Amino acid sequence: MPVSDIWEVLRRPLITEKGTALAAEGKFLFEVHPDCTKAQVKQAIERAFKVSVVAVNIAVMPGKSRRWKRWTAYQSDWKKAVVTLKSGERIELFDA
């Protein structure tokens, strides 16, 4: 499935303790569409935030199992992208 829309590729920013520490190094975390590639993530970040992307690293995070009474449900696997920006550039979304 080709993913073309910017906000279809970038699902949401990940604001975590680890992500905040990485932001000081110019690296930002995003949850992305499971079918997208590094090139699509790079293009979406550059078009959405008007910054220069140096590198994109992607990891597939395994879904967790949840129990409710006697049933077990499983969350879907999801994809995380670590985006490295050109030195001196920032994404305003993470400055708050």
C-alpha atoms as a PDB file:
ATOM      1  CA  MET A   1       0.000   0.000   0.000  1.00  0.00           C
ATOM      2  CA  PRO A   2       1.613   3.279  -1.025  1.00  0.00           C
ATOM      3  CA  VAL A   3       1.445   5.907   1.684  1.00  0.00           C
ATOM      4  CA  SER A   4       1.431   9.406   0.209  1.00  0.00           C
ATOM      5  CA  ASP A   5      -0.217  11.844   2.640  1.00  0.00           C
ATOM      6  CA  ILE A   6       2.146  13.519   5.144  1.00  0.00           C
ATOM      7  CA  TRP A   7      -0.155  13.000   8.114  1.00  0.00           C
ATOM      8  CA  GLU A   8      -0.855   9.426   7.085  1.00  0.00           C
ATOM      9  CA  VAL A   9       2.893   8.701   7.281  1.00  0.00           C
ATOM     10  CA  LEU A  10       3.439  10.622  10.540  1.00  0.00           C
ATOM     11  CA  ARG A  11       0.879   9.341  13.013  1.00  0.00           C
ATOM     12  CA  ARG A  12       2.009  11.248  16.121  1.00  0.00           C
ATOM     13  CA  PRO A  13       5.123  12.539  17.866  1.00  0.00           C
ATOM     14  CA  LEU A  14       6.398  10.436  20.755  1.00  0.00           C
ATOM     15  CA  ILE A  15       7.000  12.601  23.820  1.00  0.00           C
ATOM     16  CA  THR A  16       8.816  10.366  26.293  1.00  0.00           C
ATOM     17  CA  GLU A  17      11.699  10.717  28.723  1.00  0.00           C
ATOM     18  CA  LYS A  18      14.046   9.047  26.233  1.00  0.00           C
ATOM     19  CA  GLY A  19      12.697  11.207  23.407  1.00  0.00           C
ATOM     20  CA  THR A  20      13.277  14.392  25.383  1.00  0.00           C
ATOM     21  CA  ALA A  21      16.889  13.375  26.034  1.00  0.00           C
ATOM     22  CA  LEU A  22      17.391  12.616  22.328  1.00  0.00           C
ATOM     23  CA  ALA A  23      15.891  15.992  21.335  1.00  0.00           C
ATOM     24  CA  ALA A  24      18.924  17.690  22.899  1.00  0.00           C
ATOM     25  CA  GLU A  25      21.050  15.788  20.336  1.00  0.00           C
ATOM     26  CA  GLY A  26      18.807  16.821  17.434  1.00  0.00           C
ATOM     27  CA  LYS A  27      16.948  13.482  17.241  1.00  0.00           C
ATOM     28  CA  PHE A  28      13.149  13.317  17.360  1.00  0.00           C
ATOM     29  CA  LEU A  29      10.783  10.351  17.772  1.00  0.00           C
ATOM     30  CA  PHE A  30       7.605   9.719  15.778  1.00  0.00           C
ATOM     31  CA  GLU A  31       5.102   6.906  15.466  1.00  0.00           C
ATOM     32  CA  VAL A  32       4.766   6.247  11.735  1.00  0.00           C
ATOM     33  CA  HIS A  33       2.574   4.157   9.422  1.00  0.00           C
ATOM     34  CA  PRO A  34       3.606   0.466   9.484  1.00  0.00           C
ATOM     35  CA  ASP A  35       3.996   0.298   5.682  1.00  0.00           C
ATOM     36  CA  CYS A  36       6.105   3.432   5.176  1.00  0.00           C
ATOM     37  CA  THR A  37       9.808   3.476   4.321  1.00  0.00           C
ATOM     38  CA  LYS A  38      12.703   5.614   5.558  1.00  0.00           C
ATOM     39  CA  ALA A  39      12.539   7.717   2.388  1.00  0.00           C
ATOM     40  CA  GLN A  40       8.826   8.413   2.912  1.00  0.00           C
ATOM     41  CA  VAL A  41       9.419   9.414   6.547  1.00  0.00           C
ATOM     42  CA  LYS A  42      12.265  11.732   5.515  1.00  0.00           C
ATOM     43  CA  GLN A  43      10.149  13.397   2.828  1.00  0.00           C
ATOM     44  CA  ALA A  44       7.156  13.790   5.178  1.00  0.00           C
ATOM     45  CA  ILE A  45       9.259  15.393   7.962  1.00  0.00           C
ATOM     46  CA  GLU A  46      10.951  17.800   5.544  1.00  0.00           C
ATOM     47  CA  ARG A  47       7.626  18.868   4.006  1.00  0.00           C
ATOM     48  CA  ALA A  48       5.690  19.117   7.295  1.00  0.00           C
ATOM     49  CA  PHE A  49       8.252  20.971   9.432  1.00  0.00           C
ATOM     50  CA  LYS A  50      10.520  22.676   6.816  1.00  0.00           C
ATOM     51  CA  VAL A  51      13.746  21.153   8.202  1.00  0.00           C
ATOM     52  CA  SER A  52      16.665  19.172   6.728  1.00  0.00           C
ATOM     53  CA  VAL A  53      16.763  15.499   7.704  1.00  0.00           C
ATOM     54  CA  VAL A  54      20.206  13.860   7.921  1.00  0.00           C
ATOM     55  CA  ALA A  55      19.151  10.308   8.880  1.00  0.00           C
ATOM     56  CA  VAL A  56      16.100   8.194   9.663  1.00  0.00           C
ATOM     57  CA  ASN A  57      16.234   5.042  11.792  1.00  0.00           C
ATOM     58  CA  ILE A  58      13.148   2.830  12.032  1.00  0.00           C
ATOM     59  CA  ALA A  59      12.241   0.147  14.581  1.00  0.00           C
ATOM     60  CA  VAL A  60       9.201  -2.128  14.660  1.00  0.00           C
ATOM     61  CA  MET A  61       7.875  -2.184  18.211  1.00  0.00           C
ATOM     62  CA  PRO A  62       6.056  -5.393  19.210  1.00  0.00           C
ATOM     63  CA  GLY A  63       2.447  -5.137  20.358  1.00  0.00           C
ATOM     64  CA  LYS A  64       1.626  -6.106  23.922  1.00  0.00           C
ATOM     65  CA  SER A  65      -0.884  -8.613  25.191  1.00  0.00           C
ATOM     66  CA  ARG A  66      -3.615  -7.345  27.495  1.00  0.00           C
ATOM     67  CA  ARG A  67      -5.781  -9.453  29.787  1.00  0.00           C
ATOM     68  CA  TRP A  68      -9.342  -8.709  30.735  1.00  0.00           C
ATOM     69  CA  LYS A  69     -11.045 -11.258  32.967  1.00  0.00           C
ATOM     70  CA  ARG A  70     -10.433 -14.542  31.137  1.00  0.00           C
ATOM     71  CA  TRP A  71      -9.703 -13.110  27.679  1.00  0.00           C
ATOM     72  CA  THR A  72      -6.400 -12.098  26.178  1.00  0.00           C
ATOM     73  CA  ALA A  73      -6.293  -9.325  23.591  1.00  0.00           C
ATOM     74  CA  TYR A  74      -3.276  -8.282  21.554  1.00  0.00           C
ATOM     75  CA  GLN A  75      -2.289  -4.779  20.517  1.00  0.00           C
ATOM     76  CA  SER A  76      -0.935  -4.392  17.000  1.00  0.00           C
ATOM     77  CA  ASP A  77       2.771  -3.974  16.291  1.00  0.00           C
ATOM     78  CA  TRP A  78       3.731  -0.378  15.493  1.00  0.00           C
ATOM     79  CA  LYS A  79       6.635   1.405  13.862  1.00  0.00           C
ATOM     80  CA  LYS A  80       8.837   4.037  15.517  1.00  0.00           C
ATOM     81  CA  ALA A  81      11.084   6.437  13.605  1.00  0.00           C
ATOM     82  CA  VAL A  82      14.082   8.290  15.049  1.00  0.00           C
ATOM     83  CA  VAL A  83      14.708  11.327  12.844  1.00  0.00           C
ATOM     84  CA  THR A  84      18.099  13.098  12.996  1.00  0.00           C
ATOM     85  CA  LEU A  85      18.074  16.719  11.852  1.00  0.00           C
ATOM     86  CA  LYS A  86      20.869  18.901  10.508  1.00  0.00           C
ATOM     87  CA  SER A  87      22.794  20.505  13.395  1.00  0.00           C
ATOM     88  CA  GLY A  88      21.190  23.690  14.662  1.00  0.00           C
ATOM     89  CA  GLU A  89      17.687  22.825  13.407  1.00  0.00           C
ATOM     90  CA  ARG A  90      14.773  21.956  15.687  1.00  0.00           C
ATOM     91  CA  ILE A  91      11.130  20.972  15.446  1.00  0.00           C
ATOM     92  CA  GLU A  92       9.019  23.501  17.356  1.00  0.00           C
ATOM     93  CA  LEU A  93       6.542  20.802  18.368  1.00  0.00           C
ATOM     94  CA  PHE A  94       9.085  19.373  20.835  1.00  0.00           C
ATOM     95  CA  ASP A  95      10.183  22.682  22.406  1.00  0.00           C
ATOM     96  CA  ALA A  96       7.248  22.961  24.814  1.00  0.00           C
END
